[in-house]
Amino acid sequence: MNTCTRAAAVLALTLVGAGCSDFLQGPGLTENPNNPTTGTPLQQLIAVQANMATRLEGQLARCAGVYTQQLIGSNNQQLSFCTQYRVTESDISGQMNGFYVGGGLLSMRAIQAAAQASGDQFLLGMTKVWEGLAIGTATSVWGDLPYSEAVNPNIAEPVLDSQESIYASPRGGTERHFGSADERDAGDSWPGRGGLPHVPRLRAGLRRQHLG
């Protein structure tokens, strides 16, 4: 009886030890596909455009439409945020964050660096166009913003650039890089491979909106 008891105890301890070990290792087990830490420039560009769809077609666009009397906020948060002017800093603060992180300016700069390193002028030009649209929209909403020193890991407190200087910088950069975005000899970066918006239509729309 004592032998059986000791054997059962040893077996139990062995099972407990095995159960506490980190045996789930390897691809698909310890890597979270919904929280990637790396990505190709094209993958990051798709994330940028998905993020910008939220920025340009979300709550900011709805409030802007109400403030310019193109829409009416008659119910729920549209009534409070827009029609009754009760929006606070905490209500749509994530909208500003989205212009910098989560597919914002930080990702755009990473894509541009990769494009410059690989000599991909098409990808570089297209990302510059997106940066002009994004930052130009953000400064239209919030006025003075961090831009010239933004997303620099060596600068903890970037300066606020004036709205006028921000307008001048993305506008010039956007127009200057339209030529690069017209080139279609960029190999794997051609957006037809990634389901991205059609660049000529984007370019034409931006020229009408920002360049006159």
Protein backbone atom coordinates (compact mmCIF):
# COMPACT_ATOMS: atom_id res chain seq x y z
CA MET A 1 0.00 0.00 0.00
CA ASN A 2 2.83 2.35 0.93
CA THR A 3 4.54 1.56 -2.39
CA CYS A 4 1.41 2.45 -4.34
CA THR A 5 1.03 5.68 -2.37
CA ARG A 6 4.62 6.71 -3.02
CA ALA A 7 4.28 5.88 -6.72
CA ALA A 8 1.10 7.95 -6.97
CA ALA A 9 2.77 10.88 -5.22
CA VAL A 10 5.77 10.76 -7.56
CA LEU A 11 3.48 10.60 -10.58
CA ALA A 12 1.44 13.52 -9.33
CA LEU A 13 4.53 15.65 -8.76
CA THR A 14 5.80 14.76 -12.22
CA LEU A 15 2.52 15.79 -13.84
CA VAL A 16 2.42 19.04 -11.86
CA GLY A 17 5.96 19.88 -12.96
CA ALA A 18 5.17 19.14 -16.58
CA GLY A 19 1.96 21.14 -16.43
CA CYS A 20 3.78 24.21 -15.11
CA SER A 21 6.42 24.16 -17.83
CA ASP A 22 6.11 26.48 -20.84
CA PHE A 23 5.66 23.76 -23.45
CA LEU A 24 3.66 25.91 -25.89
CA GLN A 25 6.42 27.35 -28.02
CA GLY A 26 6.87 28.01 -31.71
CA PRO A 27 5.15 29.75 -34.64
CA GLY A 28 1.42 30.04 -34.17
CA LEU A 29 1.67 29.40 -30.43
CA THR A 30 3.70 32.26 -28.97
CA GLU A 31 3.19 34.79 -31.78
CA ASN A 32 0.01 36.87 -31.77
CA PRO A 33 -1.09 37.54 -35.37
CA ASN A 34 -3.26 40.40 -34.13
CA ASN A 35 -0.34 42.20 -32.50
CA PRO A 36 2.58 42.04 -34.97
CA THR A 37 5.89 43.63 -34.10
CA THR A 38 7.26 43.72 -37.65
CA GLY A 39 5.80 44.23 -41.10
CA THR A 40 6.82 44.91 -44.67
CA PRO A 41 6.53 48.48 -45.98
CA LEU A 42 3.51 47.46 -48.07
CA GLN A 43 1.81 45.89 -45.04
CA GLN A 44 2.43 49.07 -43.07
CA LEU A 45 1.04 51.15 -45.93
CA ILE A 46 -2.18 49.14 -45.89
CA ALA A 47 -2.40 49.79 -42.12
CA VAL A 48 -1.86 53.51 -42.73
CA GLN A 49 -4.70 53.66 -45.23
CA ALA A 50 -7.05 51.66 -43.03
CA ASN A 51 -6.26 53.99 -40.15
CA MET A 52 -6.78 57.07 -42.31
CA ALA A 53 -10.18 55.78 -43.40
CA THR A 54 -11.19 55.97 -39.73
CA ARG A 55 -9.68 59.41 -39.29
CA LEU A 56 -11.30 60.87 -42.44
CA GLU A 57 -14.68 59.14 -42.25
CA GLY A 58 -15.27 58.85 -38.50
CA GLN A 59 -16.35 61.20 -35.72
CA LEU A 60 -14.15 64.06 -36.92
CA ALA A 61 -15.88 64.06 -40.29
CA ARG A 62 -19.32 63.90 -38.69
CA CYS A 63 -18.61 66.82 -36.35
CA ALA A 64 -17.08 68.84 -39.18
CA GLY A 65 -20.20 68.24 -41.26
CA VAL A 66 -22.44 69.45 -38.43
CA TYR A 67 -20.26 72.52 -37.68
CA THR A 68 -20.37 73.56 -41.35
CA GLN A 69 -24.15 72.93 -41.48
CA GLN A 70 -23.91 70.11 -44.02
CA LEU A 71 -25.42 67.68 -41.51
CA ILE A 72 -27.58 67.88 -38.41
CA GLY A 73 -26.74 66.05 -35.20
CA SER A 74 -30.18 65.17 -33.89
CA ASN A 75 -29.57 62.13 -31.67
CA ASN A 76 -27.16 60.45 -29.26
CA GLN A 77 -23.51 61.52 -29.35
CA GLN A 78 -23.99 63.65 -32.48
CA LEU A 79 -26.49 65.78 -30.60
CA SER A 80 -24.16 66.14 -27.62
CA PHE A 81 -20.78 66.36 -29.37
CA CYS A 82 -21.75 68.55 -32.28
CA THR A 83 -25.12 70.27 -32.15
CA GLN A 84 -24.90 71.16 -28.44
CA TYR A 85 -21.09 71.71 -28.49
CA ARG A 86 -20.57 69.46 -25.45
CA VAL A 87 -17.57 67.57 -26.81
CA THR A 88 -14.69 67.35 -24.32
CA GLU A 89 -11.03 66.43 -24.61
CA SER A 90 -11.72 62.84 -23.57
CA ASP A 91 -14.60 62.16 -25.99
CA ILE A 92 -12.69 61.78 -29.25
CA SER A 93 -9.09 62.06 -28.06
CA GLY A 94 -8.21 58.84 -29.87
CA GLN A 95 -8.76 60.64 -33.13
CA MET A 96 -5.70 62.83 -32.59
CA ASN A 97 -3.58 59.87 -31.48
CA GLY A 98 -4.46 58.11 -34.73
CA PHE A 99 -2.70 60.78 -36.77
CA TYR A 100 0.57 59.88 -35.07
CA VAL A 101 0.48 56.19 -34.03
CA GLY A 102 -1.43 53.06 -35.00
CA GLY A 103 -0.89 53.64 -38.70
CA GLY A 104 -0.23 57.37 -38.44
CA LEU A 105 2.82 59.56 -38.92
CA LEU A 106 5.13 57.10 -37.15
CA SER A 107 4.30 54.37 -39.67
CA MET A 108 4.50 56.78 -42.59
CA ARG A 109 8.03 57.78 -41.62
CA ALA A 110 9.03 54.10 -41.28
CA ILE A 111 7.67 53.37 -44.77
CA GLN A 112 9.48 56.37 -46.22
CA ALA A 113 12.77 55.25 -44.65
CA ALA A 114 12.35 51.75 -46.09
CA ALA A 115 11.44 53.18 -49.50
CA GLN A 116 14.49 55.42 -49.54
CA ALA A 117 16.74 52.52 -48.53
CA SER A 118 15.39 50.34 -51.35
CA GLY A 119 15.20 53.13 -53.94
CA ASP A 120 11.43 52.70 -54.30
CA GLN A 121 10.41 56.18 -55.45
CA PHE A 122 6.82 55.15 -56.06
CA LEU A 123 6.27 53.98 -52.49
CA LEU A 124 8.11 57.02 -51.15
CA GLY A 125 6.00 59.44 -53.18
CA MET A 126 2.72 57.75 -52.32
CA THR A 127 3.49 57.80 -48.59
CA LYS A 128 4.44 61.48 -48.80
CA VAL A 129 1.03 62.14 -50.36
CA TRP A 130 -0.65 60.33 -47.46
CA GLU A 131 1.41 62.32 -44.97
CA GLY A 132 0.31 65.58 -46.56
CA LEU A 133 -3.32 64.54 -46.42
CA ALA A 134 -3.10 63.28 -42.84
CA ILE A 135 -1.19 66.16 -41.26
CA GLY A 136 -3.00 68.76 -43.34
CA THR A 137 -6.31 67.39 -42.07
CA ALA A 138 -5.10 67.23 -38.47
CA THR A 139 -3.92 70.84 -38.39
CA SER A 140 -7.19 71.93 -39.99
CA VAL A 141 -9.00 70.44 -36.99
CA TRP A 142 -6.65 71.22 -34.09
CA GLY A 143 -4.54 74.14 -35.33
CA ASP A 144 -0.97 74.15 -33.97
CA LEU A 145 0.41 70.62 -33.64
CA PRO A 146 3.71 68.79 -33.14
CA TYR A 147 5.05 68.04 -36.61
CA SER A 148 8.65 69.05 -37.36
CA GLU A 149 9.89 67.27 -34.22
CA ALA A 150 7.11 64.67 -33.96
CA VAL A 151 7.71 60.87 -33.77
CA ASN A 152 11.39 61.45 -33.04
CA PRO A 153 12.48 59.05 -30.25
CA ASN A 154 15.18 61.50 -29.19
CA ILE A 155 12.69 64.33 -28.54
CA ALA A 156 10.39 63.71 -25.59
CA GLU A 157 8.51 67.01 -25.87
CA PRO A 158 8.26 68.13 -29.52
CA VAL A 159 7.45 71.76 -30.16
CA LEU A 160 4.08 72.91 -31.41
CA ASP A 161 4.36 74.07 -35.00
CA SER A 162 2.00 76.78 -36.19
CA GLN A 163 -0.88 75.83 -38.43
CA GLU A 164 0.53 78.05 -41.17
CA SER A 165 3.94 76.33 -41.16
CA ILE A 166 2.30 72.89 -41.14
CA TYR A 167 0.13 73.82 -44.10
CA ALA A 168 3.19 74.95 -46.01
CA SER A 169 5.24 71.83 -45.28
CA PRO A 170 2.86 69.00 -46.28
CA ARG A 171 1.50 70.98 -49.22
CA GLY A 172 4.96 71.44 -50.70
CA GLY A 173 5.95 67.86 -49.96
CA THR A 174 2.75 66.48 -51.41
CA GLU A 175 3.05 68.35 -54.69
CA ARG A 176 6.77 67.60 -54.97
CA HIS A 177 6.19 63.87 -54.70
CA PHE A 178 3.22 63.53 -57.03
CA GLY A 179 5.70 62.76 -59.80
CA SER A 180 7.18 59.90 -57.80
CA ALA A 181 3.74 58.51 -57.07
CA ASP A 182 2.99 58.47 -60.81
CA GLU A 183 5.78 55.98 -61.49
CA ARG A 184 4.56 52.39 -61.82
CA ASP A 185 7.86 50.55 -62.06
CA ALA A 186 8.03 49.84 -58.35
CA GLY A 187 7.81 46.04 -58.49
CA ASP A 188 6.11 44.51 -55.48
CA SER A 189 5.07 47.90 -54.17
CA TRP A 190 2.50 48.45 -56.91
CA PRO A 191 -0.77 48.77 -54.97
CA GLY A 192 -2.63 46.34 -57.20
CA ARG A 193 -0.86 43.63 -55.21
CA GLY A 194 -2.16 44.96 -51.91
CA GLY A 195 -5.71 46.12 -52.59
CA LEU A 196 -4.86 49.78 -52.02
CA PRO A 197 -6.71 52.87 -53.30
CA HIS A 198 -6.04 53.92 -56.86
CA VAL A 199 -3.25 56.51 -56.75
CA PRO A 200 -4.28 58.68 -59.74
CA ARG A 201 -7.73 59.21 -58.18
CA LEU A 202 -6.17 59.97 -54.80
CA ARG A 203 -3.72 62.38 -56.40
CA ALA A 204 -6.43 64.21 -58.34
CA GLY A 205 -8.61 64.53 -55.26
CA LEU A 206 -5.78 65.89 -53.15
CA ARG A 207 -4.81 68.45 -55.77
CA ARG A 208 -8.39 69.74 -55.88
CA GLN A 209 -8.67 69.84 -52.10
CA HIS A 210 -5.29 71.18 -51.02
CA LEU A 211 -3.59 72.73 -54.01
CA GLY A 212 -6.39 74.41 -55.89
